[in-house]
Amino acid sequence: MSSKTVKIAILSTLLSVASSAVLADAATRVEDVIWANDTIYSTILTDTSFISPPEHSTDTLYNFGMSGLGGQRPVSDSAPGDSDYNGGRWSVKIVAFTAQGKAVHDPDGDGNVNFELTNADAVLHHEALGHVTIMDTTVYFECPLLR
């Protein structure tokens, strides 16, 4: 999967969560779109992306845009106020629900999660349970978390 395809999927996910947001030449604020530390954050969509950032200069953004289920917003491993927060500079990981994960997270079979994962520890816990798989990408971009 190309990094351009992944970036399009990520932006599509952010936009689908905030269908009222309209991209223009300026940055666009999107409300309640990214989970971090059990808190939902808004962001500013920008067209800023970069290649091969220095080590430890990005945070992980778990993206569920191609997960196989709807309703799960992206999850960050860091947020404003954390000593290791990098200001919304993201290294993206794609998360997909396994068959077992779909049975647990979508027991009614409507195609949407019945509960959201709201912090990075929960994402990693559900990976250990076999509910999700996590794939690295080479997609890096910037959009800050805002309250």
C-alpha atoms as a PDB file:
ATOM      1  CA  MET A   1       0.000   0.000   0.000  1.00  0.00           C
ATOM      2  CA  SER A   2       1.469   3.330  -1.017  1.00  0.00           C
ATOM      3  CA  SER A   3       1.946   6.147   1.474  1.00  0.00           C
ATOM      4  CA  LYS A   4      -0.284   8.340  -0.706  1.00  0.00           C
ATOM      5  CA  THR A   5      -3.119   5.791  -0.405  1.00  0.00           C
ATOM      6  CA  VAL A   6      -2.664   5.640   3.368  1.00  0.00           C
ATOM      7  CA  LYS A   7      -2.619   9.439   3.680  1.00  0.00           C
ATOM      8  CA  ILE A   8      -5.820   9.687   1.625  1.00  0.00           C
ATOM      9  CA  ALA A   9      -7.447   7.079   3.862  1.00  0.00           C
ATOM     10  CA  ILE A  10      -6.395   8.960   6.989  1.00  0.00           C
ATOM     11  CA  LEU A  11      -7.709  12.277   5.726  1.00  0.00           C
ATOM     12  CA  SER A  12     -10.911  10.541   4.584  1.00  0.00           C
ATOM     13  CA  THR A  13     -11.379   9.141   8.070  1.00  0.00           C
ATOM     14  CA  LEU A  14     -10.851  12.522   9.703  1.00  0.00           C
ATOM     15  CA  LEU A  15     -13.243  14.130   7.262  1.00  0.00           C
ATOM     16  CA  SER A  16     -15.907  11.434   7.583  1.00  0.00           C
ATOM     17  CA  VAL A  17     -15.957  11.960  11.340  1.00  0.00           C
ATOM     18  CA  ALA A  18     -16.440  15.668  10.715  1.00  0.00           C
ATOM     19  CA  SER A  19     -18.612  15.687   7.619  1.00  0.00           C
ATOM     20  CA  SER A  20     -19.473  19.347   8.134  1.00  0.00           C
ATOM     21  CA  ALA A  21     -15.855  20.418   7.750  1.00  0.00           C
ATOM     22  CA  VAL A  22     -15.016  21.904   4.375  1.00  0.00           C
ATOM     23  CA  LEU A  23     -11.449  21.944   3.165  1.00  0.00           C
ATOM     24  CA  ALA A  24     -10.447  25.276   1.720  1.00  0.00           C
ATOM     25  CA  ASP A  25      -7.126  26.966   1.127  1.00  0.00           C
ATOM     26  CA  ALA A  26      -6.887  27.599   4.871  1.00  0.00           C
ATOM     27  CA  ALA A  27      -6.588  25.081   7.683  1.00  0.00           C
ATOM     28  CA  THR A  28      -9.874  23.660   8.940  1.00  0.00           C
ATOM     29  CA  ARG A  29     -10.793  22.926  12.553  1.00  0.00           C
ATOM     30  CA  VAL A  30     -12.438  19.523  13.058  1.00  0.00           C
ATOM     31  CA  GLU A  31     -14.213  18.897  16.362  1.00  0.00           C
ATOM     32  CA  ASP A  32     -14.013  15.723  18.486  1.00  0.00           C
ATOM     33  CA  VAL A  33     -11.969  13.637  16.065  1.00  0.00           C
ATOM     34  CA  ILE A  34      -8.957  12.047  17.872  1.00  0.00           C
ATOM     35  CA  TRP A  35      -8.803  10.149  21.171  1.00  0.00           C
ATOM     36  CA  ALA A  36      -5.808  10.507  23.501  1.00  0.00           C
ATOM     37  CA  ASN A  37      -5.587   9.441  27.149  1.00  0.00           C
ATOM     38  CA  ASP A  38      -9.386   8.859  27.305  1.00  0.00           C
ATOM     39  CA  THR A  39     -10.089  12.423  26.172  1.00  0.00           C
ATOM     40  CA  ILE A  40     -11.522  13.378  22.795  1.00  0.00           C
ATOM     41  CA  TYR A  41      -9.636  16.165  21.022  1.00  0.00           C
ATOM     42  CA  SER A  42     -10.317  18.434  18.101  1.00  0.00           C
ATOM     43  CA  THR A  43      -7.656  19.266  15.532  1.00  0.00           C
ATOM     44  CA  ILE A  44      -6.737  21.611  12.724  1.00  0.00           C
ATOM     45  CA  LEU A  45      -6.414  19.837   9.373  1.00  0.00           C
ATOM     46  CA  THR A  46      -3.346  21.063   7.543  1.00  0.00           C
ATOM     47  CA  ASP A  47      -1.621  20.016   4.360  1.00  0.00           C
ATOM     48  CA  THR A  48       1.678  19.589   6.226  1.00  0.00           C
ATOM     49  CA  SER A  49       3.409  16.271   5.669  1.00  0.00           C
ATOM     50  CA  PHE A  50       7.051  15.281   5.843  1.00  0.00           C
ATOM     51  CA  ILE A  51       9.413  12.425   5.032  1.00  0.00           C
ATOM     52  CA  SER A  52      11.746  10.573   7.407  1.00  0.00           C
ATOM     53  CA  PRO A  53      11.373  12.680  10.544  1.00  0.00           C
ATOM     54  CA  PRO A  54      14.101  12.532  13.195  1.00  0.00           C
ATOM     55  CA  GLU A  55      13.715   9.741  15.726  1.00  0.00           C
ATOM     56  CA  HIS A  56      11.449  10.642  18.674  1.00  0.00           C
ATOM     57  CA  SER A  57      10.096  13.740  16.900  1.00  0.00           C
ATOM     58  CA  THR A  58       6.661  12.229  16.199  1.00  0.00           C
ATOM     59  CA  ASP A  59       3.876  10.599  18.187  1.00  0.00           C
ATOM     60  CA  THR A  60       1.953   7.532  17.062  1.00  0.00           C
ATOM     61  CA  LEU A  61      -1.506   7.971  15.582  1.00  0.00           C
ATOM     62  CA  TYR A  62      -3.474   4.722  15.331  1.00  0.00           C
ATOM     63  CA  ASN A  63      -5.805   5.125  12.361  1.00  0.00           C
ATOM     64  CA  PHE A  64      -8.885   2.917  11.934  1.00  0.00           C
ATOM     65  CA  GLY A  65      -9.957   4.242   8.524  1.00  0.00           C
ATOM     66  CA  MET A  66      -9.418   0.863   6.864  1.00  0.00           C
ATOM     67  CA  SER A  67     -10.219  -1.225   9.961  1.00  0.00           C
ATOM     68  CA  GLY A  68     -13.239  -3.087   8.655  1.00  0.00           C
ATOM     69  CA  LEU A  69     -15.597  -1.365  11.121  1.00  0.00           C
ATOM     70  CA  GLY A  70     -16.930   2.177  11.316  1.00  0.00           C
ATOM     71  CA  GLY A  71     -17.236   4.426  14.338  1.00  0.00           C
ATOM     72  CA  GLN A  72     -13.746   4.094  15.799  1.00  0.00           C
ATOM     73  CA  ARG A  73     -11.937   7.424  15.718  1.00  0.00           C
ATOM     74  CA  PRO A  74      -8.119   7.623  15.556  1.00  0.00           C
ATOM     75  CA  VAL A  75      -6.183   7.207  18.811  1.00  0.00           C
ATOM     76  CA  SER A  76      -2.985   9.052  19.760  1.00  0.00           C
ATOM     77  CA  ASP A  77      -0.321   7.755  22.118  1.00  0.00           C
ATOM     78  CA  SER A  78       0.345  11.275  23.429  1.00  0.00           C
ATOM     79  CA  ALA A  79      -1.522  14.519  24.071  1.00  0.00           C
ATOM     80  CA  PRO A  80      -0.946  18.129  25.110  1.00  0.00           C
ATOM     81  CA  GLY A  81       0.463  18.184  28.625  1.00  0.00           C
ATOM     82  CA  ASP A  82       2.343  14.885  28.215  1.00  0.00           C
ATOM     83  CA  SER A  83       6.100  15.388  28.538  1.00  0.00           C
ATOM     84  CA  ASP A  84       6.668  13.446  25.297  1.00  0.00           C
ATOM     85  CA  TYR A  85       3.982  15.172  23.171  1.00  0.00           C
ATOM     86  CA  ASN A  86       5.448  16.435  19.885  1.00  0.00           C
ATOM     87  CA  GLY A  87       2.829  19.049  19.043  1.00  0.00           C
ATOM     88  CA  GLY A  88       0.738  16.956  16.653  1.00  0.00           C
ATOM     89  CA  ARG A  89       3.518  15.550  14.475  1.00  0.00           C
ATOM     90  CA  TRP A  90       2.264  12.068  13.625  1.00  0.00           C
ATOM     91  CA  SER A  91       3.697   8.749  12.587  1.00  0.00           C
ATOM     92  CA  VAL A  92       0.671   6.806  11.363  1.00  0.00           C
ATOM     93  CA  LYS A  93      -0.098   3.172  12.078  1.00  0.00           C
ATOM     94  CA  ILE A  94      -3.034   1.460  10.384  1.00  0.00           C
ATOM     95  CA  VAL A  95      -5.239  -0.656  12.647  1.00  0.00           C
ATOM     96  CA  ALA A  96      -7.562  -3.379  11.335  1.00  0.00           C
ATOM     97  CA  PHE A  97     -10.025  -5.498  13.277  1.00  0.00           C
ATOM     98  CA  THR A  98      -9.550  -9.262  13.045  1.00  0.00           C
ATOM     99  CA  ALA A  99     -12.536 -11.613  12.704  1.00  0.00           C
ATOM    100  CA  GLN A 100     -12.370 -12.164  16.473  1.00  0.00           C
ATOM    101  CA  GLY A 101     -12.151  -8.410  17.025  1.00  0.00           C
ATOM    102  CA  LYS A 102     -15.191  -7.767  14.829  1.00  0.00           C
ATOM    103  CA  ALA A 103     -17.175 -10.287  16.885  1.00  0.00           C
ATOM    104  CA  VAL A 104     -16.162  -8.536  20.129  1.00  0.00           C
ATOM    105  CA  HIS A 105     -16.344  -4.899  18.985  1.00  0.00           C
ATOM    106  CA  ASP A 106     -19.419  -5.286  16.745  1.00  0.00           C
ATOM    107  CA  PRO A 107     -21.537  -8.027  18.344  1.00  0.00           C
ATOM    108  CA  ASP A 108     -24.729  -6.752  16.700  1.00  0.00           C
ATOM    109  CA  GLY A 109     -23.100  -6.988  13.252  1.00  0.00           C
ATOM    110  CA  ASP A 110     -24.133  -3.528  12.059  1.00  0.00           C
ATOM    111  CA  GLY A 111     -20.624  -2.670  10.815  1.00  0.00           C
ATOM    112  CA  ASN A 112     -19.884  -0.136  13.578  1.00  0.00           C
ATOM    113  CA  VAL A 113     -18.005  -0.587  16.835  1.00  0.00           C
ATOM    114  CA  ASN A 114     -20.215  -0.820  19.905  1.00  0.00           C
ATOM    115  CA  PHE A 115     -17.516   0.882  22.006  1.00  0.00           C
ATOM    116  CA  GLU A 116     -14.490   2.955  21.075  1.00  0.00           C
ATOM    117  CA  LEU A 117     -10.907   2.437  22.143  1.00  0.00           C
ATOM    118  CA  THR A 118      -9.940   5.744  23.758  1.00  0.00           C
ATOM    119  CA  ASN A 119      -6.242   5.442  24.563  1.00  0.00           C
ATOM    120  CA  ALA A 120      -3.107   3.861  23.117  1.00  0.00           C
ATOM    121  CA  ASP A 121      -2.829   1.292  25.928  1.00  0.00           C
ATOM    122  CA  ALA A 122      -6.291  -0.013  25.004  1.00  0.00           C
ATOM    123  CA  VAL A 123      -5.272  -0.310  21.341  1.00  0.00           C
ATOM    124  CA  LEU A 124      -2.159  -2.284  22.296  1.00  0.00           C
ATOM    125  CA  HIS A 125      -4.160  -4.410  24.761  1.00  0.00           C
ATOM    126  CA  HIS A 126      -6.646  -5.331  22.025  1.00  0.00           C
ATOM    127  CA  GLU A 127      -3.736  -6.163  19.735  1.00  0.00           C
ATOM    128  CA  ALA A 128      -2.427  -8.569  22.422  1.00  0.00           C
ATOM    129  CA  LEU A 129      -5.930 -10.107  22.666  1.00  0.00           C
ATOM    130  CA  GLY A 130      -5.921 -10.695  18.905  1.00  0.00           C
ATOM    131  CA  HIS A 131      -8.750  -8.240  18.237  1.00  0.00           C
ATOM    132  CA  VAL A 132      -6.717  -5.919  15.998  1.00  0.00           C
ATOM    133  CA  THR A 133      -3.594  -5.955  13.883  1.00  0.00           C
ATOM    134  CA  ILE A 134      -1.356  -2.899  13.650  1.00  0.00           C
ATOM    135  CA  MET A 135       0.643  -2.059  10.537  1.00  0.00           C
ATOM    136  CA  ASP A 136       3.448   0.475  10.211  1.00  0.00           C
ATOM    137  CA  THR A 137       3.349   3.065   7.443  1.00  0.00           C
ATOM    138  CA  THR A 138       5.695   5.704   6.120  1.00  0.00           C
ATOM    139  CA  VAL A 139       3.052   8.407   6.476  1.00  0.00           C
ATOM    140  CA  TYR A 140       3.977  11.424   8.588  1.00  0.00           C
ATOM    141  CA  PHE A 141       1.923  14.593   8.906  1.00  0.00           C
ATOM    142  CA  GLU A 142       1.069  17.386  11.299  1.00  0.00           C
ATOM    143  CA  CYS A 143      -2.213  18.392  12.891  1.00  0.00           C
ATOM    144  CA  PRO A 144      -2.249  19.567  16.523  1.00  0.00           C
ATOM    145  CA  LEU A 145      -4.610  18.307  19.201  1.00  0.00           C
ATOM    146  CA  LEU A 146      -6.868  21.004  20.620  1.00  0.00           C
ATOM    147  CA  ARG A 147      -9.413  21.146  23.429  1.00  0.00           C
END
